[in-house]
Amino acid sequence: MPLLEAGPWFSCKPKEIAMIHLSIPKMACGGCASGVTKAILALDPDARVDTSTERREVTVDTVSNQAQVQSALAEAGYPSTPVA
């Protein structure tokens, strides 16, 4: 479902939500998962974040693109790669 973004003069345009699935080898515990979630929510406060420390993966529904999410994660110390 597209989100609406307020623009000049309160016009709205839909924003596409992307589902991004990433492998994060350094996400080994709940504290790491919390750090990953915080980094993503700092980028997009409305993102839905689902982490799995067992698989060391995260799935994100966000209006941000994959490069932005990976950059935010790398800056937080959690480099990631796309899951095929």
N, C-alpha and C. Protein backbone atom coordinates (compact mmCIF):
# COMPACT_ATOMS: atom_id res chain seq x y z
N MET A 1 0.84 -1.16 0.00
CA MET A 1 0.00 0.00 0.00
C MET A 1 0.89 1.24 0.00
N PRO A 2 0.69 2.17 -0.94
CA PRO A 2 1.52 3.37 -0.99
C PRO A 2 1.20 4.31 0.16
N LEU A 3 2.22 4.97 0.66
CA LEU A 3 2.04 6.01 1.67
C LEU A 3 1.88 7.34 0.94
N LEU A 4 1.31 8.32 1.61
CA LEU A 4 1.18 9.64 1.02
C LEU A 4 2.22 10.55 1.63
N GLU A 5 2.80 11.39 0.78
CA GLU A 5 3.83 12.31 1.23
C GLU A 5 3.33 13.72 1.01
N ALA A 6 3.34 14.53 2.06
CA ALA A 6 2.92 15.92 1.93
C ALA A 6 3.99 16.69 1.18
N GLY A 7 3.56 17.46 0.24
CA GLY A 7 4.48 18.27 -0.54
C GLY A 7 4.09 19.73 -0.39
N PRO A 8 4.63 20.60 -1.25
CA PRO A 8 4.27 22.01 -1.19
C PRO A 8 2.75 22.17 -1.33
N TRP A 9 2.21 23.09 -0.56
CA TRP A 9 0.78 23.39 -0.60
C TRP A 9 -0.06 22.18 -0.24
N PHE A 10 0.48 21.29 0.55
CA PHE A 10 -0.23 20.13 1.07
C PHE A 10 -0.73 19.17 0.00
N SER A 11 -0.08 19.16 -1.13
CA SER A 11 -0.45 18.16 -2.13
C SER A 11 0.13 16.82 -1.69
N CYS A 12 -0.48 15.76 -2.11
CA CYS A 12 -0.02 14.44 -1.71
C CYS A 12 0.32 13.61 -2.94
N LYS A 13 1.38 12.87 -2.84
CA LYS A 13 1.71 11.93 -3.91
C LYS A 13 2.06 10.60 -3.26
N PRO A 14 1.67 9.50 -3.88
CA PRO A 14 1.95 8.20 -3.27
C PRO A 14 3.44 7.85 -3.31
N LYS A 15 3.91 7.21 -2.26
CA LYS A 15 5.28 6.69 -2.21
C LYS A 15 5.19 5.18 -2.19
N GLU A 16 6.01 4.54 -2.97
CA GLU A 16 6.02 3.08 -3.03
C GLU A 16 6.75 2.50 -1.84
N ILE A 17 6.21 1.42 -1.32
CA ILE A 17 6.86 0.70 -0.22
C ILE A 17 7.58 -0.50 -0.81
N ALA A 18 8.85 -0.62 -0.49
CA ALA A 18 9.66 -1.74 -0.97
C ALA A 18 9.86 -2.75 0.15
N MET A 19 9.87 -4.03 -0.21
CA MET A 19 10.25 -5.07 0.75
C MET A 19 11.70 -5.42 0.47
N ILE A 20 12.54 -5.26 1.48
CA ILE A 20 13.97 -5.50 1.34
C ILE A 20 14.36 -6.62 2.30
N HIS A 21 15.08 -7.62 1.79
CA HIS A 21 15.49 -8.78 2.59
C HIS A 21 17.02 -8.84 2.54
N LEU A 22 17.65 -8.70 3.71
CA LEU A 22 19.10 -8.63 3.78
C LEU A 22 19.69 -9.63 4.76
N SER A 23 20.89 -10.10 4.44
CA SER A 23 21.68 -10.93 5.34
C SER A 23 22.64 -10.02 6.09
N ILE A 24 22.69 -10.19 7.43
CA ILE A 24 23.56 -9.37 8.27
C ILE A 24 24.37 -10.32 9.16
N PRO A 25 25.54 -10.76 8.68
CA PRO A 25 26.33 -11.75 9.42
C PRO A 25 26.68 -11.36 10.85
N LYS A 26 26.83 -10.06 11.14
CA LYS A 26 27.22 -9.62 12.48
C LYS A 26 26.04 -9.51 13.45
N MET A 27 24.82 -9.79 13.01
CA MET A 27 23.64 -9.68 13.88
C MET A 27 23.43 -11.02 14.58
N ALA A 28 24.08 -11.18 15.72
CA ALA A 28 24.09 -12.48 16.39
C ALA A 28 23.26 -12.54 17.67
N CYS A 29 22.76 -11.39 18.16
CA CYS A 29 22.03 -11.40 19.43
C CYS A 29 20.92 -10.35 19.41
N GLY A 30 20.15 -10.33 20.48
CA GLY A 30 19.06 -9.37 20.58
C GLY A 30 19.53 -7.93 20.58
N GLY A 31 20.69 -7.68 21.18
CA GLY A 31 21.24 -6.32 21.17
C GLY A 31 21.59 -5.88 19.76
N CYS A 32 22.14 -6.80 18.98
CA CYS A 32 22.46 -6.51 17.59
C CYS A 32 21.17 -6.24 16.80
N ALA A 33 20.16 -7.07 17.02
CA ALA A 33 18.88 -6.89 16.33
C ALA A 33 18.28 -5.54 16.67
N SER A 34 18.42 -5.11 17.92
CA SER A 34 17.94 -3.80 18.34
C SER A 34 18.69 -2.69 17.62
N GLY A 35 20.01 -2.84 17.48
CA GLY A 35 20.82 -1.85 16.76
C GLY A 35 20.44 -1.76 15.30
N VAL A 36 20.17 -2.91 14.69
CA VAL A 36 19.74 -2.95 13.29
C VAL A 36 18.40 -2.23 13.15
N THR A 37 17.48 -2.55 14.04
CA THR A 37 16.14 -1.93 13.99
C THR A 37 16.24 -0.42 14.16
N LYS A 38 17.06 0.03 15.13
CA LYS A 38 17.23 1.47 15.37
C LYS A 38 17.80 2.17 14.14
N ALA A 39 18.77 1.57 13.49
CA ALA A 39 19.39 2.18 12.31
C ALA A 39 18.36 2.35 11.19
N ILE A 40 17.53 1.34 11.00
CA ILE A 40 16.51 1.40 9.94
C ILE A 40 15.43 2.42 10.29
N LEU A 41 14.99 2.42 11.54
CA LEU A 41 13.94 3.36 11.95
C LEU A 41 14.43 4.81 11.95
N ALA A 42 15.73 5.03 12.13
CA ALA A 42 16.28 6.38 12.02
C ALA A 42 16.17 6.88 10.58
N LEU A 43 16.27 5.96 9.64
CA LEU A 43 16.15 6.29 8.22
C LEU A 43 14.69 6.48 7.82
N ASP A 44 13.83 5.58 8.28
CA ASP A 44 12.40 5.61 7.96
C ASP A 44 11.62 5.22 9.22
N PRO A 45 11.13 6.21 9.97
CA PRO A 45 10.42 5.92 11.23
C PRO A 45 9.16 5.06 11.05
N ASP A 46 8.62 4.99 9.84
CA ASP A 46 7.41 4.20 9.60
C ASP A 46 7.71 2.81 9.04
N ALA A 47 8.98 2.45 8.93
CA ALA A 47 9.35 1.14 8.37
C ALA A 47 8.87 0.02 9.29
N ARG A 48 8.55 -1.11 8.67
CA ARG A 48 8.28 -2.34 9.43
C ARG A 48 9.53 -3.20 9.35
N VAL A 49 10.07 -3.57 10.49
CA VAL A 49 11.34 -4.29 10.55
C VAL A 49 11.14 -5.63 11.24
N ASP A 50 11.56 -6.71 10.59
CA ASP A 50 11.47 -8.05 11.16
C ASP A 50 12.86 -8.66 11.14
N THR A 51 13.45 -8.86 12.32
CA THR A 51 14.81 -9.41 12.40
C THR A 51 14.76 -10.87 12.84
N SER A 52 15.75 -11.63 12.36
CA SER A 52 15.93 -13.02 12.80
C SER A 52 17.41 -13.20 13.13
N THR A 53 17.71 -13.29 14.44
CA THR A 53 19.11 -13.52 14.82
C THR A 53 19.52 -14.95 14.48
N GLU A 54 18.57 -15.86 14.47
CA GLU A 54 18.87 -17.26 14.12
C GLU A 54 19.38 -17.36 12.68
N ARG A 55 18.71 -16.68 11.76
CA ARG A 55 19.12 -16.69 10.35
C ARG A 55 20.08 -15.55 10.01
N ARG A 56 20.21 -14.59 10.96
CA ARG A 56 21.01 -13.38 10.75
C ARG A 56 20.53 -12.63 9.52
N GLU A 57 19.21 -12.40 9.50
CA GLU A 57 18.57 -11.71 8.37
C GLU A 57 17.58 -10.69 8.90
N VAL A 58 17.29 -9.71 8.05
CA VAL A 58 16.26 -8.71 8.35
C VAL A 58 15.39 -8.53 7.11
N THR A 59 14.10 -8.38 7.33
CA THR A 59 13.17 -8.03 6.26
C THR A 59 12.56 -6.69 6.63
N VAL A 60 12.56 -5.77 5.67
CA VAL A 60 12.11 -4.40 5.93
C VAL A 60 11.09 -4.00 4.88
N ASP A 61 9.97 -3.44 5.33
CA ASP A 61 9.01 -2.78 4.45
C ASP A 61 9.22 -1.29 4.67
N THR A 62 9.66 -0.58 3.62
CA THR A 62 10.08 0.82 3.78
C THR A 62 9.89 1.61 2.50
N VAL A 63 9.81 2.93 2.64
CA VAL A 63 9.78 3.80 1.47
C VAL A 63 11.21 4.12 1.02
N SER A 64 12.20 3.76 1.83
CA SER A 64 13.60 3.96 1.45
C SER A 64 14.01 2.87 0.47
N ASN A 65 15.07 3.13 -0.30
CA ASN A 65 15.53 2.10 -1.23
C ASN A 65 16.60 1.23 -0.57
N GLN A 66 16.93 0.14 -1.23
CA GLN A 66 17.87 -0.83 -0.66
C GLN A 66 19.23 -0.21 -0.36
N ALA A 67 19.73 0.63 -1.26
CA ALA A 67 21.04 1.25 -1.04
C ALA A 67 21.03 2.12 0.21
N GLN A 68 19.94 2.84 0.44
CA GLN A 68 19.83 3.69 1.64
C GLN A 68 19.82 2.84 2.90
N VAL A 69 19.08 1.75 2.88
CA VAL A 69 19.00 0.87 4.05
C VAL A 69 20.37 0.24 4.31
N GLN A 70 21.02 -0.26 3.27
CA GLN A 70 22.34 -0.88 3.46
C GLN A 70 23.36 0.14 3.96
N SER A 71 23.29 1.36 3.48
CA SER A 71 24.21 2.41 3.94
C SER A 71 23.98 2.71 5.42
N ALA A 72 22.72 2.83 5.84
CA ALA A 72 22.40 3.09 7.25
C ALA A 72 22.91 1.95 8.13
N LEU A 73 22.73 0.72 7.67
CA LEU A 73 23.19 -0.44 8.44
C LEU A 73 24.72 -0.46 8.53
N ALA A 74 25.40 -0.17 7.43
CA ALA A 74 26.87 -0.16 7.43
C ALA A 74 27.39 0.91 8.39
N GLU A 75 26.76 2.08 8.38
CA GLU A 75 27.17 3.17 9.28
C GLU A 75 26.98 2.76 10.74
N ALA A 76 25.99 1.92 11.01
CA ALA A 76 25.73 1.45 12.37
C ALA A 76 26.60 0.26 12.75
N GLY A 77 27.43 -0.21 11.81
CA GLY A 77 28.34 -1.33 12.09
C GLY A 77 27.80 -2.68 11.71
N TYR A 78 26.75 -2.71 10.88
CA TYR A 78 26.14 -3.96 10.46
C TYR A 78 26.09 -4.06 8.94
N PRO A 79 27.23 -4.34 8.28
CA PRO A 79 27.21 -4.49 6.83
C PRO A 79 26.27 -5.61 6.41
N SER A 80 25.64 -5.45 5.27
CA SER A 80 24.63 -6.40 4.83
C SER A 80 24.76 -6.69 3.34
N THR A 81 24.16 -7.82 2.96
CA THR A 81 24.09 -8.18 1.54
C THR A 81 22.67 -8.66 1.26
N PRO A 82 22.19 -8.45 0.02
CA PRO A 82 20.85 -8.90 -0.32
C PRO A 82 20.72 -10.42 -0.25
N VAL A 83 19.57 -10.88 0.17
CA VAL A 83 19.26 -12.31 0.17
C VAL A 83 18.57 -12.62 -1.13
N ALA A 84 19.08 -13.61 -1.83
CA ALA A 84 18.51 -13.96 -3.15
C ALA A 84 17.22 -14.72 -3.00
